[in-house]
Amino acid sequence: MFTLYVILAVLMSAVLLASARAKFTRPERLVDQMSTLGLSYRILPFLGVVQVAGAAGLVVGLGWGALGVAAAAGLTLYFAGAVAAHLRAGDYRGAPPAAVLTAAAVALVVLRAAAL
C-alpha cells in the first residue's frame, strides 16, 4: 500500500506543481476559465499556494503519515470544490478532470491511512 501511495503522491505532486505554476503565471486561457466559473482572476495566487502546500504535504507525508492523510484530505476538498464550481457554472467539459483529481486525492487518503 505504501509503495502505491508513493507513486500516486509523486504523480499528484507533479500535477499540482504544474497547475500551481499556471496559477502564478496567469495564462490567458486560465483567466478566461476563471471568468467562466464566475471567479476573479485575483484568486489564482491563493489557489496556487494551496496546490503547492498540498504537494508539499503529500511529499512530507511520506515520512509523517498523519500529514500525508491531512494533505490528501485537503486536496480532496479542494478538487471537490473545483468539481462543484464547474458544474455550478455549467462547464461540463471542465468537471471531469477535476473529478479524476478528486478520486486520486481520495485514493491517497485511503492508501496513506492504510499504511500508518
PDB file of N, CA and C in Angstrom:
ATOM      1  N   MET A   1       0.810  -1.194   0.000  1.00  0.00           N
ATOM      2  CA  MET A   1       0.000   0.000   0.000  1.00  0.00           C
ATOM      3  C   MET A   1       0.857   1.263   0.000  1.00  0.00           C
ATOM      4  N   PHE A   2       1.923   1.223   0.792  1.00  0.00           N
ATOM      5  CA  PHE A   2       2.776   2.396   0.886  1.00  0.00           C
ATOM      6  C   PHE A   2       3.437   2.707  -0.455  1.00  0.00           C
ATOM      7  N   THR A   3       3.872   1.682  -1.158  1.00  0.00           N
ATOM      8  CA  THR A   3       4.522   1.898  -2.459  1.00  0.00           C
ATOM      9  C   THR A   3       3.560   2.565  -3.431  1.00  0.00           C
ATOM     10  N   LEU A   4       2.314   2.124  -3.426  1.00  0.00           N
ATOM     11  CA  LEU A   4       1.310   2.732  -4.291  1.00  0.00           C
ATOM     12  C   LEU A   4       1.063   4.193  -3.892  1.00  0.00           C
ATOM     13  N   TYR A   5       1.060   4.461  -2.590  1.00  0.00           N
ATOM     14  CA  TYR A   5       0.926   5.838  -2.123  1.00  0.00           C
ATOM     15  C   TYR A   5       2.079   6.690  -2.649  1.00  0.00           C
ATOM     16  N   VAL A   6       3.291   6.172  -2.561  1.00  0.00           N
ATOM     17  CA  VAL A   6       4.469   6.923  -3.015  1.00  0.00           C
ATOM     18  C   VAL A   6       4.323   7.283  -4.490  1.00  0.00           C
ATOM     19  N   ILE A   7       3.960   6.312  -5.301  1.00  0.00           N
ATOM     20  CA  ILE A   7       3.828   6.549  -6.743  1.00  0.00           C
ATOM     21  C   ILE A   7       2.754   7.589  -7.019  1.00  0.00           C
ATOM     22  N   LEU A   8       1.584   7.400  -6.405  1.00  0.00           N
ATOM     23  CA  LEU A   8       0.481   8.331  -6.649  1.00  0.00           C
ATOM     24  C   LEU A   8       0.775   9.712  -6.075  1.00  0.00           C
ATOM     25  N   ALA A   9       1.429   9.770  -4.920  1.00  0.00           N
ATOM     26  CA  ALA A   9       1.764  11.062  -4.311  1.00  0.00           C
ATOM     27  C   ALA A   9       2.747  11.837  -5.180  1.00  0.00           C
ATOM     28  N   VAL A  10       3.725  11.153  -5.734  1.00  0.00           N
ATOM     29  CA  VAL A  10       4.702  11.825  -6.603  1.00  0.00           C
ATOM     30  C   VAL A  10       4.022  12.328  -7.879  1.00  0.00           C
ATOM     31  N   LEU A  11       3.164  11.502  -8.477  1.00  0.00           N
ATOM     32  CA  LEU A  11       2.453  11.930  -9.687  1.00  0.00           C
ATOM     33  C   LEU A  11       1.524  13.107  -9.392  1.00  0.00           C
ATOM     34  N   MET A  12       0.772  13.002  -8.297  1.00  0.00           N
ATOM     35  CA  MET A  12      -0.155  14.075  -7.935  1.00  0.00           C
ATOM     36  C   MET A  12       0.617  15.357  -7.629  1.00  0.00           C
ATOM     37  N   SER A  13       1.749  15.247  -6.962  1.00  0.00           N
ATOM     38  CA  SER A  13       2.559  16.426  -6.650  1.00  0.00           C
ATOM     39  C   SER A  13       3.054  17.098  -7.925  1.00  0.00           C
ATOM     40  N   ALA A  14       3.452  16.311  -8.901  1.00  0.00           N
ATOM     41  CA  ALA A  14       3.899  16.881 -10.180  1.00  0.00           C
ATOM     42  C   ALA A  14       2.754  17.625 -10.866  1.00  0.00           C
ATOM     43  N   VAL A  15       1.571  17.036 -10.859  1.00  0.00           N
ATOM     44  CA  VAL A  15       0.404  17.690 -11.459  1.00  0.00           C
ATOM     45  C   VAL A  15       0.087  18.978 -10.703  1.00  0.00           C
ATOM     46  N   LEU A  16       0.123  18.918  -9.381  1.00  0.00           N
ATOM     47  CA  LEU A  16      -0.182  20.097  -8.568  1.00  0.00           C
ATOM     48  C   LEU A  16       0.813  21.228  -8.815  1.00  0.00           C
ATOM     49  N   LEU A  17       2.090  20.890  -8.906  1.00  0.00           N
ATOM     50  CA  LEU A  17       3.098  21.931  -9.128  1.00  0.00           C
ATOM     51  C   LEU A  17       2.971  22.548 -10.516  1.00  0.00           C
ATOM     52  N   ALA A  18       2.653  21.739 -11.509  1.00  0.00           N
ATOM     53  CA  ALA A  18       2.445  22.275 -12.858  1.00  0.00           C
ATOM     54  C   ALA A  18       1.222  23.198 -12.881  1.00  0.00           C
ATOM     55  N   SER A  19       0.167  22.769 -12.203  1.00  0.00           N
ATOM     56  CA  SER A  19      -1.037  23.581 -12.143  1.00  0.00           C
ATOM     57  C   SER A  19      -0.789  24.869 -11.352  1.00  0.00           C
ATOM     58  N   ALA A  20      -0.040  24.772 -10.271  1.00  0.00           N
ATOM     59  CA  ALA A  20       0.276  25.961  -9.472  1.00  0.00           C
ATOM     60  C   ALA A  20       1.084  26.958 -10.294  1.00  0.00           C
ATOM     61  N   ARG A  21       2.012  26.444 -11.076  1.00  0.00           N
ATOM     62  CA  ARG A  21       2.818  27.332 -11.936  1.00  0.00           C
ATOM     63  C   ARG A  21       1.907  28.130 -12.862  1.00  0.00           C
ATOM     64  N   ALA A  22       0.917  27.445 -13.425  1.00  0.00           N
ATOM     65  CA  ALA A  22      -0.026  28.145 -14.301  1.00  0.00           C
ATOM     66  C   ALA A  22      -0.826  29.191 -13.512  1.00  0.00           C
ATOM     67  N   LYS A  23      -1.160  28.871 -12.291  1.00  0.00           N
ATOM     68  CA  LYS A  23      -1.915  29.831 -11.473  1.00  0.00           C
ATOM     69  C   LYS A  23      -1.073  31.071 -11.183  1.00  0.00           C
ATOM     70  N   PHE A  24       0.224  30.896 -11.012  1.00  0.00           N
ATOM     71  CA  PHE A  24       1.094  32.039 -10.724  1.00  0.00           C
ATOM     72  C   PHE A  24       1.403  32.865 -11.979  1.00  0.00           C
ATOM     73  N   THR A  25       1.468  32.221 -13.141  1.00  0.00           N
ATOM     74  CA  THR A  25       1.799  32.949 -14.370  1.00  0.00           C
ATOM     75  C   THR A  25       0.561  33.493 -15.083  1.00  0.00           C
ATOM     76  N   ARG A  26      -0.596  33.032 -14.689  1.00  0.00           N
ATOM     77  CA  ARG A  26      -1.884  33.522 -15.195  1.00  0.00           C
ATOM     78  C   ARG A  26      -1.990  33.565 -16.715  1.00  0.00           C
ATOM     79  N   PRO A  27      -1.882  32.424 -17.383  1.00  0.00           N
ATOM     80  CA  PRO A  27      -2.075  32.444 -18.833  1.00  0.00           C
ATOM     81  C   PRO A  27      -3.521  32.844 -19.168  1.00  0.00           C
ATOM     82  N   GLU A  28      -3.687  33.413 -20.324  1.00  0.00           N
ATOM     83  CA  GLU A  28      -4.994  33.943 -20.717  1.00  0.00           C
ATOM     84  C   GLU A  28      -6.093  32.887 -20.651  1.00  0.00           C
ATOM     85  N   ARG A  29      -5.774  31.665 -21.043  1.00  0.00           N
ATOM     86  CA  ARG A  29      -6.779  30.604 -21.035  1.00  0.00           C
ATOM     87  C   ARG A  29      -7.287  30.339 -19.621  1.00  0.00           C
ATOM     88  N   LEU A  30      -6.404  30.421 -18.645  1.00  0.00           N
ATOM     89  CA  LEU A  30      -6.790  30.176 -17.260  1.00  0.00           C
ATOM     90  C   LEU A  30      -7.606  31.340 -16.703  1.00  0.00           C
ATOM     91  N   VAL A  31      -7.237  32.550 -17.059  1.00  0.00           N
ATOM     92  CA  VAL A  31      -8.004  33.720 -16.628  1.00  0.00           C
ATOM     93  C   VAL A  31      -9.405  33.659 -17.226  1.00  0.00           C
ATOM     94  N   ASP A  32      -9.504  33.253 -18.497  1.00  0.00           N
ATOM     95  CA  ASP A  32     -10.814  33.105 -19.141  1.00  0.00           C
ATOM     96  C   ASP A  32     -11.648  32.031 -18.448  1.00  0.00           C
ATOM     97  N   GLN A  33     -10.996  30.927 -18.073  1.00  0.00           N
ATOM     98  CA  GLN A  33     -11.714  29.851 -17.398  1.00  0.00           C
ATOM     99  C   GLN A  33     -12.247  30.332 -16.045  1.00  0.00           C
ATOM    100  N   MET A  34     -11.457  31.099 -15.323  1.00  0.00           N
ATOM    101  CA  MET A  34     -11.911  31.638 -14.037  1.00  0.00           C
ATOM    102  C   MET A  34     -13.127  32.537 -14.246  1.00  0.00           C
ATOM    103  N   SER A  35     -13.099  33.313 -15.304  1.00  0.00           N
ATOM    104  CA  SER A  35     -14.231  34.175 -15.620  1.00  0.00           C
ATOM    105  C   SER A  35     -15.471  33.339 -15.917  1.00  0.00           C
ATOM    106  N   THR A  36     -15.287  32.253 -16.667  1.00  0.00           N
ATOM    107  CA  THR A  36     -16.391  31.345 -16.974  1.00  0.00           C
ATOM    108  C   THR A  36     -16.993  30.764 -15.701  1.00  0.00           C
ATOM    109  N   LEU A  37     -16.132  30.480 -14.726  1.00  0.00           N
ATOM    110  CA  LEU A  37     -16.592  29.901 -13.466  1.00  0.00           C
ATOM    111  C   LEU A  37     -17.168  30.952 -12.519  1.00  0.00           C
ATOM    112  N   GLY A  38     -17.058  32.214 -12.895  1.00  0.00           N
ATOM    113  CA  GLY A  38     -17.570  33.279 -12.054  1.00  0.00           C
ATOM    114  C   GLY A  38     -16.631  33.643 -10.913  1.00  0.00           C
ATOM    115  N   LEU A  39     -15.356  33.334 -11.080  1.00  0.00           N
ATOM    116  CA  LEU A  39     -14.353  33.638 -10.055  1.00  0.00           C
ATOM    117  C   LEU A  39     -13.419  34.730 -10.562  1.00  0.00           C
ATOM    118  N   SER A  40     -12.945  35.540  -9.662  1.00  0.00           N
ATOM    119  CA  SER A  40     -11.997  36.588 -10.010  1.00  0.00           C
ATOM    120  C   SER A  40     -10.624  35.970 -10.276  1.00  0.00           C
ATOM    121  N   TYR A  41      -9.914  36.511 -11.246  1.00  0.00           N
ATOM    122  CA  TYR A  41      -8.561  36.027 -11.518  1.00  0.00           C
ATOM    123  C   TYR A  41      -7.636  36.306 -10.331  1.00  0.00           C
ATOM    124  N   ARG A  42      -8.039  37.185  -9.446  1.00  0.00           N
ATOM    125  CA  ARG A  42      -7.218  37.512  -8.279  1.00  0.00           C
ATOM    126  C   ARG A  42      -7.095  36.358  -7.291  1.00  0.00           C
ATOM    127  N   ILE A  43      -7.959  35.372  -7.415  1.00  0.00           N
ATOM    128  CA  ILE A  43      -7.893  34.213  -6.518  1.00  0.00           C
ATOM    129  C   ILE A  43      -6.814  33.216  -6.973  1.00  0.00           C
ATOM    130  N   LEU A  44      -6.313  33.385  -8.179  1.00  0.00           N
ATOM    131  CA  LEU A  44      -5.336  32.435  -8.724  1.00  0.00           C
ATOM    132  C   LEU A  44      -4.098  32.239  -7.851  1.00  0.00           C
ATOM    133  N   PRO A  45      -3.464  33.296  -7.342  1.00  0.00           N
ATOM    134  CA  PRO A  45      -2.290  33.056  -6.487  1.00  0.00           C
ATOM    135  C   PRO A  45      -2.632  32.241  -5.232  1.00  0.00           C
ATOM    136  N   PHE A  46      -3.780  32.504  -4.634  1.00  0.00           N
ATOM    137  CA  PHE A  46      -4.204  31.735  -3.465  1.00  0.00           C
ATOM    138  C   PHE A  46      -4.368  30.257  -3.825  1.00  0.00           C
ATOM    139  N   LEU A  47      -5.009  29.988  -4.954  1.00  0.00           N
ATOM    140  CA  LEU A  47      -5.187  28.592  -5.382  1.00  0.00           C
ATOM    141  C   LEU A  47      -3.837  27.933  -5.660  1.00  0.00           C
ATOM    142  N   GLY A  48      -2.908  28.693  -6.223  1.00  0.00           N
ATOM    143  CA  GLY A  48      -1.567  28.164  -6.465  1.00  0.00           C
ATOM    144  C   GLY A  48      -0.853  27.815  -5.168  1.00  0.00           C
ATOM    145  N   VAL A  49      -0.974  28.663  -4.173  1.00  0.00           N
ATOM    146  CA  VAL A  49      -0.351  28.396  -2.872  1.00  0.00           C
ATOM    147  C   VAL A  49      -0.957  27.144  -2.246  1.00  0.00           C
ATOM    148  N   VAL A  50      -2.267  26.995  -2.363  1.00  0.00           N
ATOM    149  CA  VAL A  50      -2.927  25.797  -1.820  1.00  0.00           C
ATOM    150  C   VAL A  50      -2.394  24.541  -2.513  1.00  0.00           C
ATOM    151  N   GLN A  51      -2.201  24.627  -3.821  1.00  0.00           N
ATOM    152  CA  GLN A  51      -1.687  23.469  -4.552  1.00  0.00           C
ATOM    153  C   GLN A  51      -0.249  23.146  -4.164  1.00  0.00           C
ATOM    154  N   VAL A  52       0.573  24.154  -4.002  1.00  0.00           N
ATOM    155  CA  VAL A  52       1.956  23.920  -3.577  1.00  0.00           C
ATOM    156  C   VAL A  52       1.969  23.309  -2.177  1.00  0.00           C
ATOM    157  N   ALA A  53       1.122  23.830  -1.289  1.00  0.00           N
ATOM    158  CA  ALA A  53       1.040  23.275   0.071  1.00  0.00           C
ATOM    159  C   ALA A  53       0.568  21.820   0.036  1.00  0.00           C
ATOM    160  N   GLY A  54      -0.381  21.516  -0.829  1.00  0.00           N
ATOM    161  CA  GLY A  54      -0.854  20.136  -0.957  1.00  0.00           C
ATOM    162  C   GLY A  54       0.240  19.211  -1.452  1.00  0.00           C
ATOM    163  N   ALA A  55       0.989  19.664  -2.454  1.00  0.00           N
ATOM    164  CA  ALA A  55       2.096  18.851  -2.974  1.00  0.00           C
ATOM    165  C   ALA A  55       3.144  18.632  -1.895  1.00  0.00           C
ATOM    166  N   ALA A  56       3.477  19.685  -1.162  1.00  0.00           N
ATOM    167  CA  ALA A  56       4.470  19.559  -0.087  1.00  0.00           C
ATOM    168  C   ALA A  56       3.967  18.610   0.998  1.00  0.00           C
ATOM    169  N   GLY A  57       2.695  18.713   1.336  1.00  0.00           N
ATOM    170  CA  GLY A  57       2.127  17.830   2.348  1.00  0.00           C
ATOM    171  C   GLY A  57       2.156  16.375   1.942  1.00  0.00           C
ATOM    172  N   LEU A  58       1.906  16.103   0.669  1.00  0.00           N
ATOM    173  CA  LEU A  58       1.969  14.716   0.189  1.00  0.00           C
ATOM    174  C   LEU A  58       3.387  14.167   0.278  1.00  0.00           C
ATOM    175  N   VAL A  59       4.354  14.988  -0.101  1.00  0.00           N
ATOM    176  CA  VAL A  59       5.747  14.534  -0.075  1.00  0.00           C
ATOM    177  C   VAL A  59       6.242  14.367   1.365  1.00  0.00           C
ATOM    178  N   VAL A  60       5.967  15.350   2.215  1.00  0.00           N
ATOM    179  CA  VAL A  60       6.370  15.222   3.620  1.00  0.00           C
ATOM    180  C   VAL A  60       5.616  14.059   4.263  1.00  0.00           C
ATOM    181  N   GLY A  61       4.407  13.809   3.770  1.00  0.00           N
ATOM    182  CA  GLY A  61       3.597  12.707   4.263  1.00  0.00           C
ATOM    183  C   GLY A  61       4.200  11.342   4.022  1.00  0.00           C
ATOM    184  N   LEU A  62       5.236  11.277   3.192  1.00  0.00           N
ATOM    185  CA  LEU A  62       5.947  10.003   3.011  1.00  0.00           C
ATOM    186  C   LEU A  62       6.579   9.573   4.325  1.00  0.00           C
ATOM    187  N   GLY A  63       7.057  10.534   5.084  1.00  0.00           N
ATOM    188  CA  GLY A  63       7.692  10.230   6.359  1.00  0.00           C
ATOM    189  C   GLY A  63       6.802  10.460   7.564  1.00  0.00           C
ATOM    190  N   TRP A  64       5.868  11.374   7.431  1.00  0.00           N
ATOM    191  CA  TRP A  64       4.971  11.717   8.527  1.00  0.00           C
ATOM    192  C   TRP A  64       3.548  11.421   8.059  1.00  0.00           C
ATOM    193  N   GLY A  65       3.097  10.215   8.355  1.00  0.00           N
ATOM    194  CA  GLY A  65       1.842   9.704   7.820  1.00  0.00           C
ATOM    195  C   GLY A  65       0.628  10.577   8.055  1.00  0.00           C
ATOM    196  N   ALA A  66       0.514  11.123   9.263  1.00  0.00           N
ATOM    197  CA  ALA A  66      -0.658  11.938   9.578  1.00  0.00           C
ATOM    198  C   ALA A  66      -0.738  13.169   8.667  1.00  0.00           C
ATOM    199  N   LEU A  67       0.399  13.757   8.353  1.00  0.00           N
ATOM    200  CA  LEU A  67       0.401  14.910   7.459  1.00  0.00           C
ATOM    201  C   LEU A  67       0.002  14.495   6.044  1.00  0.00           C
ATOM    202  N   GLY A  68       0.447  13.322   5.615  1.00  0.00           N
ATOM    203  CA  GLY A  68       0.057  12.832   4.297  1.00  0.00           C
ATOM    204  C   GLY A  68      -1.444  12.643   4.189  1.00  0.00           C
ATOM    205  N   VAL A  69      -2.042  12.088   5.240  1.00  0.00           N
ATOM    206  CA  VAL A  69      -3.503  11.908   5.257  1.00  0.00           C
ATOM    207  C   VAL A  69      -4.193  13.264   5.237  1.00  0.00           C
ATOM    208  N   ALA A  70      -3.715  14.197   6.057  1.00  0.00           N
ATOM    209  CA  ALA A  70      -4.321  15.527   6.121  1.00  0.00           C
ATOM    210  C   ALA A  70      -4.200  16.262   4.785  1.00  0.00           C
ATOM    211  N   ALA A  71      -3.040  16.179   4.165  1.00  0.00           N
ATOM    212  CA  ALA A  71      -2.842  16.841   2.868  1.00  0.00           C
ATOM    213  C   ALA A  71      -3.765  16.249   1.811  1.00  0.00           C
ATOM    214  N   ALA A  72      -3.866  14.936   1.786  1.00  0.00           N
ATOM    215  CA  ALA A  72      -4.730  14.280   0.813  1.00  0.00           C
ATOM    216  C   ALA A  72      -6.197  14.624   1.073  1.00  0.00           C
ATOM    217  N   ALA A  73      -6.591  14.712   2.338  1.00  0.00           N
ATOM    218  CA  ALA A  73      -7.965  15.090   2.667  1.00  0.00           C
ATOM    219  C   ALA A  73      -8.239  16.530   2.223  1.00  0.00           C
ATOM    220  N   GLY A  74      -7.283  17.413   2.450  1.00  0.00           N
ATOM    221  CA  GLY A  74      -7.436  18.793   1.996  1.00  0.00           C
ATOM    222  C   GLY A  74      -7.552  18.887   0.484  1.00  0.00           C
ATOM    223  N   LEU A  75      -6.746  18.102  -0.214  1.00  0.00           N
ATOM    224  CA  LEU A  75      -6.824  18.095  -1.679  1.00  0.00           C
ATOM    225  C   LEU A  75      -8.149  17.520  -2.165  1.00  0.00           C
ATOM    226  N   THR A  76      -8.680  16.558  -1.431  1.00  0.00           N
ATOM    227  CA  THR A  76      -9.994  16.017  -1.780  1.00  0.00           C
ATOM    228  C   THR A  76     -11.040  17.131  -1.732  1.00  0.00           C
ATOM    229  N   LEU A  77     -11.012  17.923  -0.672  1.00  0.00           N
ATOM    230  CA  LEU A  77     -11.956  19.035  -0.554  1.00  0.00           C
ATOM    231  C   LEU A  77     -11.716  20.088  -1.633  1.00  0.00           C
ATOM    232  N   TYR A  78     -10.451  20.372  -1.913  1.00  0.00           N
ATOM    233  CA  TYR A  78     -10.095  21.358  -2.938  1.00  0.00           C
ATOM    234  C   TYR A  78     -10.670  20.955  -4.298  1.00  0.00           C
ATOM    235  N   PHE A  79     -10.426  19.708  -4.684  1.00  0.00           N
ATOM    236  CA  PHE A  79     -10.876  19.272  -6.003  1.00  0.00           C
ATOM    237  C   PHE A  79     -12.381  19.020  -6.054  1.00  0.00           C
ATOM    238  N   ALA A  80     -12.984  18.622  -4.941  1.00  0.00           N
ATOM    239  CA  ALA A  80     -14.446  18.506  -4.904  1.00  0.00           C
ATOM    240  C   ALA A  80     -15.066  19.891  -5.102  1.00  0.00           C
ATOM    241  N   GLY A  81     -14.441  20.906  -4.508  1.00  0.00           N
ATOM    242  CA  GLY A  81     -14.888  22.277  -4.729  1.00  0.00           C
ATOM    243  C   GLY A  81     -14.741  22.697  -6.178  1.00  0.00           C
ATOM    244  N   ALA A  82     -13.674  22.240  -6.812  1.00  0.00           N
ATOM    245  CA  ALA A  82     -13.468  22.551  -8.234  1.00  0.00           C
ATOM    246  C   ALA A  82     -14.559  21.895  -9.085  1.00  0.00           C
ATOM    247  N   VAL A  83     -14.895  20.657  -8.767  1.00  0.00           N
ATOM    248  CA  VAL A  83     -15.979  19.975  -9.498  1.00  0.00           C
ATOM    249  C   VAL A  83     -17.272  20.766  -9.328  1.00  0.00           C
ATOM    250  N   ALA A  84     -17.570  21.144  -8.090  1.00  0.00           N
ATOM    251  CA  ALA A  84     -18.800  21.896  -7.819  1.00  0.00           C
ATOM    252  C   ALA A  84     -18.820  23.222  -8.572  1.00  0.00           C
ATOM    253  N   ALA A  85     -17.679  23.909  -8.611  1.00  0.00           N
ATOM    254  CA  ALA A  85     -17.614  25.192  -9.315  1.00  0.00           C
ATOM    255  C   ALA A  85     -17.869  25.013 -10.808  1.00  0.00           C
ATOM    256  N   HIS A  86     -17.291  23.979 -11.386  1.00  0.00           N
ATOM    257  CA  HIS A  86     -17.504  23.719 -12.820  1.00  0.00           C
ATOM    258  C   HIS A  86     -18.958  23.375 -13.105  1.00  0.00           C
ATOM    259  N   LEU A  87     -19.542  22.510 -12.281  1.00  0.00           N
ATOM    260  CA  LEU A  87     -20.931  22.111 -12.505  1.00  0.00           C
ATOM    261  C   LEU A  87     -21.879  23.283 -12.296  1.00  0.00           C
ATOM    262  N   ARG A  88     -21.622  24.086 -11.267  1.00  0.00           N
ATOM    263  CA  ARG A  88     -22.468  25.248 -10.988  1.00  0.00           C
ATOM    264  C   ARG A  88     -22.471  26.217 -12.161  1.00  0.00           C
ATOM    265  N   ALA A  89     -21.319  26.354 -12.817  1.00  0.00           N
ATOM    266  CA  ALA A  89     -21.194  27.280 -13.949  1.00  0.00           C
ATOM    267  C   ALA A  89     -21.644  26.654 -15.262  1.00  0.00           C
ATOM    268  N   GLY A  90     -22.003  25.370 -15.228  1.00  0.00           N
ATOM    269  CA  GLY A  90     -22.399  24.693 -16.456  1.00  0.00           C
ATOM    270  C   GLY A  90     -21.229  24.320 -17.344  1.00  0.00           C
ATOM    271  N   ASP A  91     -20.037  24.295 -16.783  1.00  0.00           N
ATOM    272  CA  ASP A  91     -18.825  23.931 -17.523  1.00  0.00           C
ATOM    273  C   ASP A  91     -18.614  22.427 -17.405  1.00  0.00           C
ATOM    274  N   TYR A  92     -19.354  21.679 -18.209  1.00  0.00           N
ATOM    275  CA  TYR A  92     -19.328  20.217 -18.116  1.00  0.00           C
ATOM    276  C   TYR A  92     -18.065  19.615 -18.726  1.00  0.00           C
ATOM    277  N   ARG A  93     -17.319  20.393 -19.476  1.00  0.00           N
ATOM    278  CA  ARG A  93     -16.038  19.907 -20.000  1.00  0.00           C
ATOM    279  C   ARG A  93     -14.934  20.025 -18.955  1.00  0.00           C
ATOM    280  N   GLY A  94     -15.062  20.955 -18.028  1.00  0.00           N
ATOM    281  CA  GLY A  94     -14.038  21.159 -17.010  1.00  0.00           C
ATOM    282  C   GLY A  94     -14.224  20.289 -15.782  1.00  0.00           C
ATOM    283  N   ALA A  95     -15.419  19.764 -15.585  1.00  0.00           N
ATOM    284  CA  ALA A  95     -15.699  18.974 -14.385  1.00  0.00           C
ATOM    285  C   ALA A  95     -14.998  17.609 -14.362  1.00  0.00           C
ATOM    286  N   PRO A  96     -14.955  16.855 -15.467  1.00  0.00           N
ATOM    287  CA  PRO A  96     -14.331  15.522 -15.392  1.00  0.00           C
ATOM    288  C   PRO A  96     -12.862  15.507 -14.962  1.00  0.00           C
ATOM    289  N   PRO A  97     -12.003  16.409 -15.457  1.00  0.00           N
ATOM    290  CA  PRO A  97     -10.619  16.389 -14.954  1.00  0.00           C
ATOM    291  C   PRO A  97     -10.549  16.646 -13.446  1.00  0.00           C
ATOM    292  N   ALA A  98     -11.359  17.561 -12.964  1.00  0.00           N
ATOM    293  CA  ALA A  98     -11.385  17.835 -11.524  1.00  0.00           C
ATOM    294  C   ALA A  98     -11.919  16.627 -10.760  1.00  0.00           C
ATOM    295  N   ALA A  99     -12.871  15.908 -11.349  1.00  0.00           N
ATOM    296  CA  ALA A  99     -13.411  14.712 -10.696  1.00  0.00           C
ATOM    297  C   ALA A  99     -12.360  13.610 -10.616  1.00  0.00           C
ATOM    298  N   VAL A 100     -11.547  13.474 -11.654  1.00  0.00           N
ATOM    299  CA  VAL A 100     -10.463  12.481 -11.627  1.00  0.00           C
ATOM    300  C   VAL A 100      -9.462  12.831 -10.534  1.00  0.00           C
ATOM    301  N   LEU A 101      -9.137  14.096 -10.412  1.00  0.00           N
ATOM    302  CA  LEU A 101      -8.197  14.519  -9.370  1.00  0.00           C
ATOM    303  C   LEU A 101      -8.816  14.349  -7.974  1.00  0.00           C
ATOM    304  N   THR A 102     -10.124  14.532  -7.864  1.00  0.00           N
ATOM    305  CA  THR A 102     -10.799  14.270  -6.589  1.00  0.00           C
ATOM    306  C   THR A 102     -10.669  12.798  -6.223  1.00  0.00           C
ATOM    307  N   ALA A 103     -10.912  11.933  -7.198  1.00  0.00           N
ATOM    308  CA  ALA A 103     -10.805  10.485  -6.951  1.00  0.00           C
ATOM    309  C   ALA A 103      -9.374  10.100  -6.579  1.00  0.00           C
ATOM    310  N   ALA A 104      -8.403  10.704  -7.236  1.00  0.00           N
ATOM    311  CA  ALA A 104      -6.999  10.414  -6.907  1.00  0.00           C
ATOM    312  C   ALA A 104      -6.676  10.872  -5.488  1.00  0.00           C
ATOM    313  N   ALA A 105      -7.209  12.015  -5.087  1.00  0.00           N
ATOM    314  CA  ALA A 105      -6.968  12.506  -3.733  1.00  0.00           C
ATOM    315  C   ALA A 105      -7.615  11.587  -2.696  1.00  0.00           C
ATOM    316  N   VAL A 106      -8.807  11.084  -2.993  1.00  0.00           N
ATOM    317  CA  VAL A 106      -9.470  10.127  -2.090  1.00  0.00           C
ATOM    318  C   VAL A 106      -8.619   8.865  -1.974  1.00  0.00           C
ATOM    319  N   ALA A 107      -8.102   8.400  -3.107  1.00  0.00           N
ATOM    320  CA  ALA A 107      -7.238   7.213  -3.089  1.00  0.00           C
ATOM    321  C   ALA A 107      -6.000   7.462  -2.231  1.00  0.00           C
ATOM    322  N   LEU A 108      -5.455   8.664  -2.297  1.00  0.00           N
ATOM    323  CA  LEU A 108      -4.291   8.997  -1.474  1.00  0.00           C
ATOM    324  C   LEU A 108      -4.628   8.951   0.015  1.00  0.00           C
ATOM    325  N   VAL A 109      -5.802   9.437   0.384  1.00  0.00           N
ATOM    326  CA  VAL A 109      -6.227   9.375   1.778  1.00  0.00           C
ATOM    327  C   VAL A 109      -6.272   7.927   2.236  1.00  0.00           C
ATOM    328  N   VAL A 110      -6.916   7.091   1.447  1.00  0.00           N
ATOM    329  CA  VAL A 110      -7.094   5.682   1.797  1.00  0.00           C
ATOM    330  C   VAL A 110      -5.739   4.967   1.873  1.00  0.00           C
ATOM    331  N   LEU A 111      -4.906   5.185   0.856  1.00  0.00           N
ATOM    332  CA  LEU A 111      -3.624   4.495   0.814  1.00  0.00           C
ATOM    333  C   LEU A 111      -2.714   4.908   1.974  1.00  0.00           C
ATOM    334  N   ARG A 112      -2.668   6.207   2.261  1.00  0.00           N
ATOM    335  CA  ARG A 112      -1.761   6.636   3.339  1.00  0.00           C
ATOM    336  C   ARG A 112      -2.292   6.217   4.697  1.00  0.00           C
ATOM    337  N   ALA A 113      -3.602   6.288   4.873  1.00  0.00           N
ATOM    338  CA  ALA A 113      -4.185   5.863   6.144  1.00  0.00           C
ATOM    339  C   ALA A 113      -3.965   4.363   6.371  1.00  0.00           C
ATOM    340  N   ALA A 114      -4.042   3.594   5.305  1.00  0.00           N
ATOM    341  CA  ALA A 114      -3.853   2.150   5.411  1.00  0.00           C
ATOM    342  C   ALA A 114      -2.400   1.793   5.745  1.00  0.00           C
ATOM    343  N   ALA A 115      -1.476   2.680   5.389  1.00  0.00           N
ATOM    344  CA  ALA A 115      -0.058   2.398   5.614  1.00  0.00           C
ATOM    345  C   ALA A 115       0.454   2.959   6.934  1.00  0.00           C
ATOM    346  N   LEU A 116      -0.407   3.543   7.732  1.00  0.00           N
ATOM    347  CA  LEU A 116       0.033   4.105   9.016  1.00  0.00           C
ATOM    348  C   LEU A 116       0.437   3.006   9.982  1.00  0.00           C
TER     349      LEU A 116
END
